Amino acid sequence: MKLTEKQKQFADFYLETGNATEAAVRAGYSEKTARVIGQENLLKPAIKTYIDAAIAEKDEKRIAKQDEVLEFLTNVLRGQVKEQFPLGMGMGEQSLVKKELDGKDRLRAAELLGKRYSMWVDKQQVEGQVVVFKGEESLPD
């Protein structure tokens, strides 16, 4: 089902404010019925789908994916990430200077990557089949 212009405005304002009543008023619904209409609109499948899709799209842009995290950790490990810090120049002036990350940061990146690839696992995984005999108690020793 396609959204009406008013429903689309409601959904967009809801995404902005997180408040269904305020979104309903801003979308042009009556202030007297805004609370009820806001709640009803959130239950309508078409509006809910629109809102869920918009949230998923925002999350996809905002939240790092697995590959991005692994790439960043690899860059830290290889010393390709620089850190900025302020350096006093005297007379109240500062300059931003880039320096390589120290060894502990690079070591931590290596540890996290190692954990990801199960390089530091102390447990051994054993696979096999166990045979269980029934009636073993009744056999003579």
N, C-alpha and C. Protein backbone atom coordinates (compact mmCIF):
# COMPACT_ATOMS: atom_id res chain seq x y z
N MET A 1 0.83 -1.17 0.00
CA MET A 1 0.00 0.00 0.00
C MET A 1 0.89 1.25 0.00
N LYS A 2 0.55 2.21 -0.79
CA LYS A 2 1.31 3.44 -0.91
C LYS A 2 0.89 4.41 0.19
N LEU A 3 1.85 5.16 0.71
CA LEU A 3 1.55 6.15 1.74
C LEU A 3 0.95 7.41 1.12
N THR A 4 0.02 8.00 1.86
CA THR A 4 -0.46 9.32 1.45
C THR A 4 0.62 10.34 1.81
N GLU A 5 0.50 11.53 1.29
CA GLU A 5 1.49 12.58 1.59
C GLU A 5 1.53 12.88 3.09
N LYS A 6 0.35 12.90 3.71
CA LYS A 6 0.26 13.18 5.15
C LYS A 6 0.93 12.07 5.96
N GLN A 7 0.72 10.81 5.55
CA GLN A 7 1.34 9.68 6.24
C GLN A 7 2.86 9.72 6.09
N LYS A 8 3.31 10.08 4.90
CA LYS A 8 4.76 10.18 4.66
C LYS A 8 5.36 11.29 5.53
N GLN A 9 4.66 12.42 5.61
CA GLN A 9 5.13 13.51 6.47
C GLN A 9 5.16 13.06 7.93
N PHE A 10 4.11 12.34 8.34
CA PHE A 10 4.08 11.83 9.71
C PHE A 10 5.30 10.94 9.97
N ALA A 11 5.56 10.02 9.06
CA ALA A 11 6.68 9.09 9.23
C ALA A 11 8.01 9.85 9.27
N ASP A 12 8.18 10.82 8.39
CA ASP A 12 9.43 11.60 8.37
C ASP A 12 9.61 12.40 9.66
N PHE A 13 8.53 13.02 10.14
CA PHE A 13 8.62 13.77 11.40
C PHE A 13 8.84 12.82 12.58
N TYR A 14 8.24 11.63 12.52
CA TYR A 14 8.46 10.64 13.59
C TYR A 14 9.93 10.22 13.62
N LEU A 15 10.52 10.02 12.45
CA LEU A 15 11.94 9.66 12.39
C LEU A 15 12.81 10.78 12.97
N GLU A 16 12.38 12.00 12.77
CA GLU A 16 13.14 13.16 13.26
C GLU A 16 13.02 13.33 14.77
N THR A 17 11.79 13.16 15.29
CA THR A 17 11.54 13.47 16.70
C THR A 17 11.46 12.24 17.60
N GLY A 18 11.01 11.11 17.06
CA GLY A 18 10.80 9.93 17.88
C GLY A 18 9.52 10.02 18.70
N ASN A 19 8.69 11.03 18.45
CA ASN A 19 7.47 11.25 19.21
C ASN A 19 6.29 11.22 18.24
N ALA A 20 5.41 10.24 18.41
CA ALA A 20 4.29 10.05 17.48
C ALA A 20 3.28 11.19 17.55
N THR A 21 3.02 11.70 18.76
CA THR A 21 2.05 12.80 18.90
C THR A 21 2.57 14.06 18.21
N GLU A 22 3.80 14.42 18.48
CA GLU A 22 4.39 15.61 17.86
C GLU A 22 4.46 15.45 16.35
N ALA A 23 4.81 14.25 15.89
CA ALA A 23 4.89 14.00 14.45
C ALA A 23 3.52 14.17 13.80
N ALA A 24 2.47 13.71 14.48
CA ALA A 24 1.12 13.83 13.93
C ALA A 24 0.71 15.30 13.82
N VAL A 25 1.00 16.09 14.85
CA VAL A 25 0.66 17.52 14.82
C VAL A 25 1.42 18.22 13.70
N ARG A 26 2.73 17.94 13.60
CA ARG A 26 3.55 18.59 12.57
C ARG A 26 3.14 18.16 11.16
N ALA A 27 2.57 16.96 11.04
CA ALA A 27 2.13 16.48 9.73
C ALA A 27 0.77 17.05 9.34
N GLY A 28 0.11 17.74 10.27
CA GLY A 28 -1.15 18.39 9.93
C GLY A 28 -2.39 17.75 10.52
N TYR A 29 -2.23 16.77 11.39
CA TYR A 29 -3.39 16.18 12.05
C TYR A 29 -3.85 17.10 13.18
N SER A 30 -5.09 16.97 13.59
CA SER A 30 -5.66 17.78 14.66
C SER A 30 -4.92 17.53 15.98
N GLU A 31 -4.70 18.61 16.74
CA GLU A 31 -4.02 18.45 18.03
C GLU A 31 -4.86 17.62 19.00
N LYS A 32 -6.17 17.69 18.87
CA LYS A 32 -7.06 16.93 19.76
C LYS A 32 -6.91 15.43 19.57
N THR A 33 -6.70 15.01 18.33
CA THR A 33 -6.63 13.57 18.04
C THR A 33 -5.21 13.10 17.72
N ALA A 34 -4.23 13.98 17.85
CA ALA A 34 -2.86 13.66 17.43
C ALA A 34 -2.29 12.44 18.16
N ARG A 35 -2.56 12.34 19.47
CA ARG A 35 -2.00 11.21 20.23
C ARG A 35 -2.54 9.88 19.72
N VAL A 36 -3.83 9.80 19.52
CA VAL A 36 -4.46 8.56 19.05
C VAL A 36 -4.03 8.25 17.62
N ILE A 37 -4.07 9.26 16.76
CA ILE A 37 -3.70 9.05 15.36
C ILE A 37 -2.23 8.67 15.25
N GLY A 38 -1.39 9.29 16.08
CA GLY A 38 0.03 8.95 16.06
C GLY A 38 0.26 7.49 16.37
N GLN A 39 -0.42 6.99 17.41
CA GLN A 39 -0.27 5.58 17.78
C GLN A 39 -0.86 4.66 16.71
N GLU A 40 -2.00 5.05 16.15
CA GLU A 40 -2.60 4.24 15.08
C GLU A 40 -1.69 4.18 13.86
N ASN A 41 -1.11 5.33 13.51
CA ASN A 41 -0.21 5.36 12.35
C ASN A 41 0.99 4.44 12.53
N LEU A 42 1.51 4.37 13.74
CA LEU A 42 2.66 3.50 13.99
C LEU A 42 2.31 2.02 13.82
N LEU A 43 1.03 1.69 13.93
CA LEU A 43 0.60 0.30 13.77
C LEU A 43 0.25 -0.06 12.33
N LYS A 44 0.10 0.93 11.47
CA LYS A 44 -0.25 0.66 10.07
C LYS A 44 0.96 0.05 9.36
N PRO A 45 0.76 -1.10 8.70
CA PRO A 45 1.88 -1.81 8.07
C PRO A 45 2.70 -0.97 7.09
N ALA A 46 2.04 -0.18 6.27
CA ALA A 46 2.77 0.61 5.26
C ALA A 46 3.66 1.65 5.92
N ILE A 47 3.15 2.31 6.96
CA ILE A 47 3.94 3.33 7.66
C ILE A 47 5.06 2.66 8.44
N LYS A 48 4.75 1.56 9.09
CA LYS A 48 5.77 0.83 9.85
C LYS A 48 6.89 0.36 8.93
N THR A 49 6.56 -0.15 7.77
CA THR A 49 7.56 -0.60 6.80
C THR A 49 8.43 0.56 6.34
N TYR A 50 7.81 1.70 6.08
CA TYR A 50 8.55 2.89 5.65
C TYR A 50 9.53 3.34 6.73
N ILE A 51 9.06 3.38 7.98
CA ILE A 51 9.91 3.80 9.10
C ILE A 51 11.04 2.80 9.32
N ASP A 52 10.73 1.51 9.31
CA ASP A 52 11.76 0.48 9.50
C ASP A 52 12.82 0.54 8.41
N ALA A 53 12.41 0.77 7.17
CA ALA A 53 13.36 0.86 6.06
C ALA A 53 14.27 2.08 6.22
N ALA A 54 13.70 3.20 6.65
CA ALA A 54 14.49 4.41 6.84
C ALA A 54 15.50 4.23 7.98
N ILE A 55 15.09 3.57 9.05
CA ILE A 55 16.00 3.32 10.18
C ILE A 55 17.11 2.38 9.75
N ALA A 56 16.77 1.33 9.01
CA ALA A 56 17.78 0.38 8.54
C ALA A 56 18.79 1.07 7.62
N GLU A 57 18.32 1.97 6.77
CA GLU A 57 19.22 2.69 5.87
C GLU A 57 20.17 3.59 6.66
N LYS A 58 19.63 4.27 7.68
CA LYS A 58 20.49 5.12 8.52
C LYS A 58 21.52 4.28 9.25
N ASP A 59 21.09 3.15 9.81
CA ASP A 59 22.01 2.29 10.54
C ASP A 59 23.11 1.76 9.64
N GLU A 60 22.75 1.43 8.41
CA GLU A 60 23.75 0.90 7.48
C GLU A 60 24.83 1.93 7.19
N LYS A 61 24.45 3.18 7.10
CA LYS A 61 25.42 4.24 6.83
C LYS A 61 26.23 4.58 8.08
N ARG A 62 25.60 4.46 9.24
CA ARG A 62 26.19 4.91 10.49
C ARG A 62 27.05 3.86 11.18
N ILE A 63 26.66 2.61 11.07
CA ILE A 63 27.32 1.55 11.83
C ILE A 63 28.31 0.80 10.94
N ALA A 64 29.52 0.64 11.45
CA ALA A 64 30.57 -0.04 10.70
C ALA A 64 30.22 -1.51 10.50
N LYS A 65 30.52 -2.00 9.33
CA LYS A 65 30.32 -3.41 9.02
C LYS A 65 31.58 -4.19 9.41
N GLN A 66 31.47 -5.49 9.41
CA GLN A 66 32.56 -6.37 9.81
C GLN A 66 33.82 -6.11 8.98
N ASP A 67 33.68 -6.00 7.68
CA ASP A 67 34.84 -5.78 6.82
C ASP A 67 35.52 -4.46 7.13
N GLU A 68 34.73 -3.43 7.41
CA GLU A 68 35.30 -2.12 7.72
C GLU A 68 36.10 -2.16 9.02
N VAL A 69 35.59 -2.86 10.02
CA VAL A 69 36.30 -2.99 11.30
C VAL A 69 37.60 -3.75 11.11
N LEU A 70 37.54 -4.86 10.37
CA LEU A 70 38.75 -5.65 10.13
C LEU A 70 39.78 -4.86 9.34
N GLU A 71 39.34 -4.09 8.38
CA GLU A 71 40.25 -3.26 7.58
C GLU A 71 40.92 -2.20 8.47
N PHE A 72 40.14 -1.58 9.35
CA PHE A 72 40.71 -0.58 10.25
C PHE A 72 41.75 -1.20 11.18
N LEU A 73 41.41 -2.35 11.78
CA LEU A 73 42.36 -3.02 12.67
C LEU A 73 43.64 -3.40 11.93
N THR A 74 43.51 -3.84 10.70
CA THR A 74 44.68 -4.18 9.89
C THR A 74 45.53 -2.94 9.63
N ASN A 75 44.89 -1.82 9.33
CA ASN A 75 45.63 -0.58 9.11
C ASN A 75 46.36 -0.12 10.37
N VAL A 76 45.73 -0.28 11.53
CA VAL A 76 46.38 0.05 12.80
C VAL A 76 47.58 -0.85 13.00
N LEU A 77 47.40 -2.14 12.80
CA LEU A 77 48.48 -3.11 12.97
C LEU A 77 49.67 -2.77 12.08
N ARG A 78 49.41 -2.37 10.86
CA ARG A 78 50.48 -2.07 9.89
C ARG A 78 51.06 -0.66 10.06
N GLY A 79 50.55 0.10 11.01
CA GLY A 79 51.07 1.44 11.24
C GLY A 79 50.60 2.46 10.22
N GLN A 80 49.51 2.20 9.55
CA GLN A 80 49.01 3.11 8.52
C GLN A 80 48.03 4.14 9.09
N VAL A 81 47.68 4.03 10.36
CA VAL A 81 46.79 4.98 11.00
C VAL A 81 47.63 5.92 11.84
N LYS A 82 47.42 7.21 11.67
CA LYS A 82 48.16 8.22 12.42
C LYS A 82 47.21 8.86 13.43
N GLU A 83 47.79 9.29 14.54
CA GLU A 83 47.02 9.93 15.59
C GLU A 83 47.40 11.41 15.62
N GLN A 84 46.41 12.28 15.79
CA GLN A 84 46.69 13.71 15.88
C GLN A 84 46.71 14.13 17.34
N PHE A 85 47.66 15.01 17.67
CA PHE A 85 47.67 15.57 19.01
C PHE A 85 48.15 17.02 18.93
N PRO A 86 47.70 17.86 19.87
CA PRO A 86 48.11 19.26 19.83
C PRO A 86 49.52 19.43 20.38
N LEU A 87 50.30 20.27 19.74
CA LEU A 87 51.66 20.56 20.16
C LEU A 87 51.75 22.05 20.42
N GLY A 88 52.17 22.42 21.64
CA GLY A 88 52.29 23.83 21.99
C GLY A 88 53.43 24.48 21.21
N MET A 89 53.14 25.63 20.61
CA MET A 89 54.14 26.36 19.82
C MET A 89 54.66 27.58 20.59
N GLY A 90 54.20 27.79 21.80
CA GLY A 90 54.58 28.97 22.57
C GLY A 90 53.62 30.10 22.28
N MET A 91 53.58 31.09 23.13
CA MET A 91 52.73 32.26 22.95
C MET A 91 51.25 31.87 22.84
N GLY A 92 50.86 30.77 23.47
CA GLY A 92 49.47 30.34 23.46
C GLY A 92 49.00 29.71 22.17
N GLU A 93 49.89 29.42 21.25
CA GLU A 93 49.51 28.82 19.97
C GLU A 93 49.74 27.31 20.01
N GLN A 94 48.91 26.60 19.27
CA GLN A 94 49.05 25.15 19.16
C GLN A 94 48.99 24.75 17.70
N SER A 95 49.60 23.62 17.44
CA SER A 95 49.56 23.05 16.10
C SER A 95 49.20 21.58 16.23
N LEU A 96 48.44 21.06 15.29
CA LEU A 96 48.12 19.63 15.30
C LEU A 96 49.23 18.87 14.60
N VAL A 97 49.75 17.87 15.27
CA VAL A 97 50.85 17.07 14.73
C VAL A 97 50.37 15.63 14.63
N LYS A 98 50.71 14.96 13.54
CA LYS A 98 50.36 13.55 13.37
C LYS A 98 51.55 12.69 13.77
N LYS A 99 51.26 11.62 14.48
CA LYS A 99 52.31 10.66 14.83
C LYS A 99 51.76 9.25 14.70
N GLU A 100 52.66 8.30 14.54
CA GLU A 100 52.24 6.90 14.45
C GLU A 100 51.73 6.43 15.80
N LEU A 101 50.83 5.48 15.77
CA LEU A 101 50.34 4.89 17.01
C LEU A 101 51.48 4.12 17.67
N ASP A 102 51.45 4.08 19.00
CA ASP A 102 52.52 3.37 19.68
C ASP A 102 52.32 1.86 19.62
N GLY A 103 53.29 1.13 20.10
CA GLY A 103 53.30 -0.32 20.00
C GLY A 103 52.13 -1.00 20.68
N LYS A 104 51.69 -0.45 21.82
CA LYS A 104 50.59 -1.12 22.54
C LYS A 104 49.29 -1.06 21.74
N ASP A 105 49.07 0.04 21.00
CA ASP A 105 47.87 0.12 20.17
C ASP A 105 47.94 -0.87 19.01
N ARG A 106 49.11 -1.00 18.44
CA ARG A 106 49.28 -1.94 17.33
C ARG A 106 49.17 -3.38 17.82
N LEU A 107 49.72 -3.64 19.01
CA LEU A 107 49.62 -4.97 19.60
C LEU A 107 48.17 -5.32 19.90
N ARG A 108 47.41 -4.35 20.41
CA ARG A 108 45.99 -4.59 20.71
C ARG A 108 45.22 -4.91 19.43
N ALA A 109 45.54 -4.20 18.34
CA ALA A 109 44.89 -4.49 17.05
C ALA A 109 45.23 -5.91 16.61
N ALA A 110 46.49 -6.32 16.81
CA ALA A 110 46.89 -7.68 16.44
C ALA A 110 46.14 -8.71 17.27
N GLU A 111 45.97 -8.43 18.57
CA GLU A 111 45.23 -9.35 19.43
C GLU A 111 43.77 -9.49 18.97
N LEU A 112 43.15 -8.36 18.66
CA LEU A 112 41.75 -8.41 18.22
C LEU A 112 41.60 -9.16 16.90
N LEU A 113 42.52 -8.93 15.99
CA LEU A 113 42.48 -9.68 14.72
C LEU A 113 42.73 -11.16 14.96
N GLY A 114 43.67 -11.48 15.85
CA GLY A 114 43.95 -12.87 16.18
C GLY A 114 42.74 -13.57 16.78
N LYS A 115 42.02 -12.86 17.65
CA LYS A 115 40.80 -13.43 18.23
C LYS A 115 39.77 -13.70 17.15
N ARG A 116 39.65 -12.77 16.21
CA ARG A 116 38.68 -12.92 15.12
C ARG A 116 38.95 -14.18 14.31
N TYR A 117 40.23 -14.48 14.10
CA TYR A 117 40.59 -15.64 13.30
C TYR A 117 40.93 -16.86 14.16
N SER A 118 40.53 -16.82 15.43
CA SER A 118 40.71 -17.94 16.38
C SER A 118 42.16 -18.41 16.46
N MET A 119 43.08 -17.47 16.44
CA MET A 119 44.49 -17.82 16.51
C MET A 119 44.94 -18.11 17.94
N TRP A 120 44.22 -17.59 18.93
CA TRP A 120 44.65 -17.74 20.31
C TRP A 120 43.74 -18.68 21.09
N VAL A 121 43.13 -19.63 20.44
CA VAL A 121 42.20 -20.54 21.11
C VAL A 121 42.99 -21.60 21.87
N ASP A 122 42.73 -21.70 23.19
CA ASP A 122 43.39 -22.70 24.01
C ASP A 122 42.67 -24.04 23.98
N LYS A 123 41.40 -24.01 23.67
CA LYS A 123 40.62 -25.24 23.63
C LYS A 123 40.86 -25.96 22.32
N GLN A 124 40.85 -27.27 22.39
CA GLN A 124 40.96 -28.06 21.17
C GLN A 124 39.58 -28.60 20.84
N GLN A 125 39.25 -28.53 19.59
CA GLN A 125 37.96 -29.04 19.16
C GLN A 125 38.15 -30.48 18.71
N VAL A 126 37.45 -31.39 19.37
CA VAL A 126 37.56 -32.81 19.08
C VAL A 126 36.24 -33.29 18.51
N GLU A 127 36.33 -33.98 17.40
CA GLU A 127 35.13 -34.53 16.79
C GLU A 127 35.23 -36.04 16.79
N GLY A 128 34.12 -36.69 17.01
CA GLY A 128 34.12 -38.14 17.01
C GLY A 128 32.74 -38.66 17.37
N GLN A 129 32.63 -39.98 17.41
CA GLN A 129 31.36 -40.59 17.76
C GLN A 129 31.56 -41.44 19.01
N VAL A 130 30.59 -41.40 19.88
CA VAL A 130 30.62 -42.19 21.10
C VAL A 130 29.61 -43.31 20.94
N VAL A 131 30.08 -44.53 21.18
CA VAL A 131 29.21 -45.70 21.07
C VAL A 131 28.72 -46.05 22.46
N VAL A 132 27.41 -46.19 22.62
CA VAL A 132 26.82 -46.53 23.90
C VAL A 132 26.14 -47.89 23.75
N PHE A 133 26.52 -48.81 24.64
CA PHE A 133 25.91 -50.14 24.62
C PHE A 133 24.83 -50.19 25.68
N LYS A 134 23.65 -50.70 25.31
CA LYS A 134 22.57 -50.85 26.28
C LYS A 134 22.60 -52.28 26.81
N GLY A 135 22.25 -52.40 28.06
CA GLY A 135 22.22 -53.72 28.68
C GLY A 135 23.58 -54.18 29.15
N GLU A 136 24.53 -53.30 29.22
CA GLU A 136 25.89 -53.64 29.62
C GLU A 136 25.94 -54.10 31.07
N GLU A 137 25.02 -53.61 31.91
CA GLU A 137 25.02 -53.96 33.33
C GLU A 137 24.72 -55.44 33.56
N SER A 138 23.95 -56.05 32.67
CA SER A 138 23.54 -57.43 32.87
C SER A 138 24.59 -58.43 32.39
N LEU A 139 25.66 -57.97 31.76
CA LEU A 139 26.72 -58.88 31.30
C LEU A 139 27.58 -59.31 32.48
N PRO A 140 28.02 -60.61 32.48
CA PRO A 140 28.90 -61.06 33.57
C PRO A 140 30.28 -60.42 33.42
N ASP A 141 30.95 -60.19 34.54
CA ASP A 141 32.29 -59.59 34.52
C ASP A 141 33.28 -60.50 33.94
